[in-house]
Amino acid sequence: MARGVNKAILIGRLGADPEIRYTQSGMAVASFRIATNNRIKRGDEWIDEPEWHRIVAWDKLAEICNQYLKKGMLIYVEGRLRTRSWEDQDGNKRWTTEIHAREMQM
C-alpha cells in the first residue's frame, strides 16, 4: 500500500451562516461550523450531545456554500482532515483541526 487515506464524512446542522473571504489571488474561501449529535445514555434518559466541526470550502464550492447555506440547515459534507497552527496575539501557539470540503449536499 503506497498511500494513506484521509477522508471525513459528516451529516450535521449549520451553527451559523457561512463566512466568505477571498485570498489575494481572488479565490473564494468559505468557513462554517456544523454540529453532529452523539446519542448517549445518562441514567434512564437518552440525550443528544453535540460535537462541533469546522468546515472550510474553496473556490466554486465556497461560493455555493455562501449562496445557499443558512443557519440550521442539515447538510452532508465530505472532505479531508487538516490540522494547522498559528500564534495568537499573546504569542501562544494554537491548533485547530478542520475538514476541507470536497463535496457538499443540502
Protein backbone atom coordinates (compact mmCIF):
# COMPACT_ATOMS: atom_id res chain seq x y z
CA MET A 1 0.00 0.00 0.00
CA ALA A 2 1.64 3.18 -1.20
CA ARG A 3 -0.76 5.84 0.13
CA GLY A 4 -2.83 6.54 3.21
CA VAL A 5 -6.47 7.62 3.41
CA ASN A 6 -7.69 10.91 4.85
CA LYS A 7 -11.45 11.12 4.43
CA ALA A 8 -14.13 12.63 6.65
CA ILE A 9 -17.89 12.29 6.07
CA LEU A 10 -20.32 14.29 8.20
CA ILE A 11 -24.04 14.95 8.29
CA GLY A 12 -24.98 17.79 10.59
CA ARG A 13 -26.63 21.17 11.06
CA LEU A 14 -25.05 24.57 10.48
CA GLY A 15 -24.46 26.61 13.62
CA ALA A 16 -24.38 29.88 11.66
CA ASP A 17 -24.39 31.18 8.10
CA PRO A 18 -21.06 30.61 6.28
CA GLU A 19 -18.46 33.38 6.28
CA ILE A 20 -16.73 34.03 2.97
CA ARG A 21 -13.46 35.78 2.20
CA TYR A 22 -11.12 35.94 -0.76
CA THR A 23 -7.42 35.20 -0.99
CA GLN A 24 -5.04 37.73 -2.55
CA SER A 25 -5.34 35.82 -5.82
CA GLY A 26 -9.15 36.16 -5.70
CA MET A 27 -10.05 32.58 -4.71
CA ALA A 28 -13.13 32.27 -2.51
CA VAL A 29 -12.83 30.59 0.92
CA ALA A 30 -15.96 29.86 2.97
CA SER A 31 -15.85 28.66 6.56
CA PHE A 32 -18.65 27.43 8.79
CA ARG A 33 -19.34 25.02 11.63
CA ILE A 34 -21.70 22.09 11.74
CA ALA A 35 -22.90 20.08 14.70
CA THR A 36 -23.29 16.33 14.70
CA ASN A 37 -25.04 14.59 17.58
CA ASN A 38 -23.75 11.72 19.68
CA ARG A 39 -26.63 9.91 21.36
CA ILE A 40 -25.60 8.93 24.89
CA LYS A 41 -27.46 7.46 27.83
CA ARG A 42 -27.40 9.26 31.17
CA GLY A 43 -29.20 7.20 33.76
CA ASP A 44 -32.50 6.16 32.21
CA GLU A 45 -32.53 9.02 29.70
CA TRP A 46 -31.05 9.27 26.20
CA ILE A 47 -29.70 12.71 25.26
CA ASP A 48 -28.07 14.18 22.16
CA GLU A 49 -24.62 15.57 22.84
CA PRO A 50 -23.42 17.89 20.04
CA GLU A 51 -19.93 17.70 18.53
CA TRP A 52 -18.86 20.79 16.56
CA HIS A 53 -16.76 20.60 13.38
CA ARG A 54 -15.05 23.39 11.44
CA ILE A 55 -15.56 23.18 7.68
CA VAL A 56 -13.58 25.06 5.02
CA ALA A 57 -14.66 25.15 1.36
CA TRP A 58 -12.64 26.61 -1.51
CA ASP A 59 -13.28 28.21 -4.90
CA LYS A 60 -16.69 27.41 -6.53
CA LEU A 61 -17.79 25.20 -3.64
CA ALA A 62 -17.14 28.13 -1.27
CA GLU A 63 -19.34 30.41 -3.37
CA ILE A 64 -22.12 27.78 -3.49
CA CYS A 65 -21.94 27.34 0.29
CA ASN A 66 -22.09 31.09 0.83
CA GLN A 67 -25.06 31.49 -1.52
CA TYR A 68 -27.25 28.60 -0.38
CA LEU A 69 -26.36 27.52 3.17
CA LYS A 70 -28.14 29.04 6.14
CA LYS A 71 -28.00 28.51 9.88
CA GLY A 72 -29.88 25.38 10.99
CA MET A 73 -29.75 23.58 7.61
CA LEU A 74 -28.97 19.86 7.55
CA ILE A 75 -26.08 19.14 5.17
CA TYR A 76 -23.75 16.35 4.06
CA VAL A 77 -20.04 17.22 3.85
CA GLU A 78 -17.23 15.06 2.54
CA GLY A 79 -13.60 16.11 2.65
CA ARG A 80 -10.25 15.63 4.35
CA LEU A 81 -8.96 16.45 7.81
CA ARG A 82 -6.36 19.19 8.10
CA THR A 83 -4.70 20.43 11.28
CA ARG A 84 -2.99 23.82 11.33
CA SER A 85 -1.32 26.01 13.92
CA TRP A 86 -0.75 29.71 14.47
CA GLU A 87 0.38 32.13 17.18
CA ASP A 88 -2.25 34.25 18.90
CA GLN A 89 -1.81 37.89 19.94
CA ASP A 90 -0.11 36.82 23.19
CA GLY A 91 2.41 34.60 21.41
CA ASN A 92 0.70 31.34 22.43
CA LYS A 93 0.68 28.53 19.89
CA ARG A 94 -2.87 27.49 18.93
CA TRP A 95 -4.10 24.48 16.97
CA THR A 96 -7.28 23.66 15.11
CA THR A 97 -8.49 20.71 13.05
CA GLU A 98 -10.76 21.43 10.10
CA ILE A 99 -12.46 19.48 7.35
CA HIS A 100 -11.52 20.79 3.93
CA ALA A 101 -14.68 20.08 1.97
CA ARG A 102 -14.61 18.42 -1.44
CA GLU A 103 -18.34 17.74 -1.67
CA MET A 104 -21.42 19.22 -0.02
CA GLN A 105 -25.09 18.31 -0.38
CA MET A 106 -28.08 20.13 1.09
